Amino acid sequence: MFPKNTSKTKLLSVREELESSFERLGYTVVYGKGDFKDGTCLVEKDNTVVINKYTPLDLQIEFLIKVLSKMDLSNVFVLPIIREMIEKHQGVFD
C-alpha cells in the first residue's frame, strides 16, 4: 500500500487520522497483543477495534482501512486522502 521508503512519521500521521475517523464514528482503537485473524479484532458491542501492537505500522494502517471500508461513512467527516485510500482498496478487501 505504501512505498518501502515511506517515513515512519508519515505512517504515524496516517494512522492517527484513521484513529480520528474511528473516534468520529464512536469507536475506540486499542493496540494490544494477541493472535487476531488478519491482525485486527472488531468488538462491535463495545465499539472497539483492537490491533495487534506487534504488527508492522503499514499493516496496522491497512487493517484500519479494511475495517473502515465496511462501515457507513456517509455521515462522518473523513479526510479526502483517507477516503480515497478506503475507496481505492475497497475491492481488494471484499
C-alpha atoms as a PDB file:
ATOM      1  CA  MET A   1       0.000   0.000   0.000  1.00  0.00           C
ATOM      2  CA  PHE A   2       2.829   2.398   0.864  1.00  0.00           C
ATOM      3  CA  PRO A   3       6.214   2.630  -0.848  1.00  0.00           C
ATOM      4  CA  LYS A   4       9.028   0.998   1.147  1.00  0.00           C
ATOM      5  CA  ASN A   5      10.715   4.361   1.739  1.00  0.00           C
ATOM      6  CA  THR A   6       7.649   5.976   3.377  1.00  0.00           C
ATOM      7  CA  SER A   7       8.787   7.647   6.580  1.00  0.00           C
ATOM      8  CA  LYS A   8       7.598   6.432   9.955  1.00  0.00           C
ATOM      9  CA  THR A   9       6.385   9.970  10.671  1.00  0.00           C
ATOM     10  CA  LYS A  10       4.133   9.900   7.597  1.00  0.00           C
ATOM     11  CA  LEU A  11       2.782   6.449   8.519  1.00  0.00           C
ATOM     12  CA  LEU A  12       2.072   7.571  12.092  1.00  0.00           C
ATOM     13  CA  SER A  13       0.256  10.633  10.750  1.00  0.00           C
ATOM     14  CA  VAL A  14      -1.954   8.461   8.520  1.00  0.00           C
ATOM     15  CA  ARG A  15      -2.649   6.061  11.385  1.00  0.00           C
ATOM     16  CA  GLU A  16      -3.607   8.951  13.678  1.00  0.00           C
ATOM     17  CA  GLU A  17      -6.059  10.285  11.100  1.00  0.00           C
ATOM     18  CA  LEU A  18      -7.585   6.821  10.742  1.00  0.00           C
ATOM     19  CA  GLU A  19      -7.955   6.660  14.532  1.00  0.00           C
ATOM     20  CA  SER A  20      -9.699  10.060  14.436  1.00  0.00           C
ATOM     21  CA  SER A  21     -12.100   8.722  11.823  1.00  0.00           C
ATOM     22  CA  PHE A  22     -12.977   5.834  14.149  1.00  0.00           C
ATOM     23  CA  GLU A  23     -13.498   8.267  17.026  1.00  0.00           C
ATOM     24  CA  ARG A  24     -15.945  10.286  14.921  1.00  0.00           C
ATOM     25  CA  LEU A  25     -17.827   7.023  14.340  1.00  0.00           C
ATOM     26  CA  GLY A  26     -17.920   6.360  18.086  1.00  0.00           C
ATOM     27  CA  TYR A  27     -15.248   3.638  18.058  1.00  0.00           C
ATOM     28  CA  THR A  28     -12.069   3.315  20.096  1.00  0.00           C
ATOM     29  CA  VAL A  29      -8.867   1.916  18.606  1.00  0.00           C
ATOM     30  CA  VAL A  30      -6.751  -0.099  21.045  1.00  0.00           C
ATOM     31  CA  TYR A  31      -3.309  -1.627  20.466  1.00  0.00           C
ATOM     32  CA  GLY A  32      -2.604  -4.835  22.338  1.00  0.00           C
ATOM     33  CA  LYS A  33      -1.042  -8.206  21.943  1.00  0.00           C
ATOM     34  CA  GLY A  34      -2.931 -11.177  20.730  1.00  0.00           C
ATOM     35  CA  ASP A  35      -3.379 -13.578  17.887  1.00  0.00           C
ATOM     36  CA  PHE A  36      -6.032 -11.854  15.826  1.00  0.00           C
ATOM     37  CA  LYS A  37      -7.211 -13.096  12.476  1.00  0.00           C
ATOM     38  CA  ASP A  38      -5.920 -10.597   9.918  1.00  0.00           C
ATOM     39  CA  GLY A  39      -4.174  -8.662  12.716  1.00  0.00           C
ATOM     40  CA  THR A  40      -7.319  -6.966  13.945  1.00  0.00           C
ATOM     41  CA  CYS A  41     -10.381  -7.657  16.043  1.00  0.00           C
ATOM     42  CA  LEU A  42     -13.607  -5.648  15.907  1.00  0.00           C
ATOM     43  CA  VAL A  43     -15.664  -5.781  19.086  1.00  0.00           C
ATOM     44  CA  GLU A  44     -18.992  -4.387  17.826  1.00  0.00           C
ATOM     45  CA  LYS A  45     -20.835  -4.342  21.152  1.00  0.00           C
ATOM     46  CA  ASP A  46     -18.068  -2.238  22.738  1.00  0.00           C
ATOM     47  CA  ASN A  47     -17.371  -0.147  19.614  1.00  0.00           C
ATOM     48  CA  THR A  48     -13.723  -1.115  19.871  1.00  0.00           C
ATOM     49  CA  VAL A  49     -11.157  -2.046  17.253  1.00  0.00           C
ATOM     50  CA  VAL A  50      -8.184  -3.977  18.638  1.00  0.00           C
ATOM     51  CA  ILE A  51      -4.965  -4.028  16.602  1.00  0.00           C
ATOM     52  CA  ASN A  52      -2.016  -6.286  17.338  1.00  0.00           C
ATOM     53  CA  LYS A  53       0.639  -3.847  18.542  1.00  0.00           C
ATOM     54  CA  TYR A  54       3.413  -6.040  17.128  1.00  0.00           C
ATOM     55  CA  THR A  55       2.045  -5.794  13.579  1.00  0.00           C
ATOM     56  CA  PRO A  56       4.159  -3.502  11.364  1.00  0.00           C
ATOM     57  CA  LEU A  57       2.833   0.045  11.098  1.00  0.00           C
ATOM     58  CA  ASP A  58       1.942  -0.167   7.400  1.00  0.00           C
ATOM     59  CA  LEU A  59      -0.130  -3.297   8.053  1.00  0.00           C
ATOM     60  CA  GLN A  60      -1.850  -1.657  11.029  1.00  0.00           C
ATOM     61  CA  ILE A  61      -2.935   1.094   8.641  1.00  0.00           C
ATOM     62  CA  GLU A  62      -4.118  -1.465   6.116  1.00  0.00           C
ATOM     63  CA  PHE A  63      -6.162  -3.261   8.787  1.00  0.00           C
ATOM     64  CA  LEU A  64      -7.749   0.021   9.930  1.00  0.00           C
ATOM     65  CA  ILE A  65      -8.661   0.866   6.331  1.00  0.00           C
ATOM     66  CA  LYS A  66     -10.124  -2.612   5.912  1.00  0.00           C
ATOM     67  CA  VAL A  67     -12.417  -2.147   8.906  1.00  0.00           C
ATOM     68  CA  LEU A  68     -13.408   1.390   7.853  1.00  0.00           C
ATOM     69  CA  SER A  69     -14.210   0.176   4.346  1.00  0.00           C
ATOM     70  CA  LYS A  70     -17.002  -1.957   5.798  1.00  0.00           C
ATOM     71  CA  MET A  71     -18.586   0.934   7.746  1.00  0.00           C
ATOM     72  CA  ASP A  72     -21.097   3.572   6.679  1.00  0.00           C
ATOM     73  CA  LEU A  73     -19.018   6.734   6.330  1.00  0.00           C
ATOM     74  CA  SER A  74     -21.704   8.836   4.661  1.00  0.00           C
ATOM     75  CA  ASN A  75     -22.424  10.948   7.755  1.00  0.00           C
ATOM     76  CA  VAL A  76     -18.903  11.360   9.114  1.00  0.00           C
ATOM     77  CA  PHE A  77     -16.054  13.605   8.016  1.00  0.00           C
ATOM     78  CA  VAL A  78     -13.126  11.639   6.672  1.00  0.00           C
ATOM     79  CA  LEU A  79     -10.157  13.479   5.190  1.00  0.00           C
ATOM     80  CA  PRO A  80     -10.288  13.220   1.401  1.00  0.00           C
ATOM     81  CA  ILE A  81      -6.917  11.428   1.261  1.00  0.00           C
ATOM     82  CA  ILE A  82      -8.136   8.836   3.776  1.00  0.00           C
ATOM     83  CA  ARG A  83     -11.476   8.434   1.964  1.00  0.00           C
ATOM     84  CA  GLU A  84      -9.542   7.944  -1.280  1.00  0.00           C
ATOM     85  CA  MET A  85      -7.418   5.215   0.339  1.00  0.00           C
ATOM     86  CA  ILE A  86     -10.560   3.471   1.581  1.00  0.00           C
ATOM     87  CA  GLU A  87     -12.308   3.672  -1.792  1.00  0.00           C
ATOM     88  CA  LYS A  88      -9.173   2.616  -3.666  1.00  0.00           C
ATOM     89  CA  HIS A  89      -8.835  -0.528  -1.598  1.00  0.00           C
ATOM     90  CA  GLN A  90     -12.497  -1.461  -1.067  1.00  0.00           C
ATOM     91  CA  GLY A  91     -12.486  -4.038  -3.856  1.00  0.00           C
ATOM     92  CA  VAL A  92      -9.275  -5.549  -2.522  1.00  0.00           C
ATOM     93  CA  PHE A  93     -10.831  -6.369   0.864  1.00  0.00           C
ATOM     94  CA  ASP A  94     -14.102  -7.881  -0.341  1.00  0.00           C
END
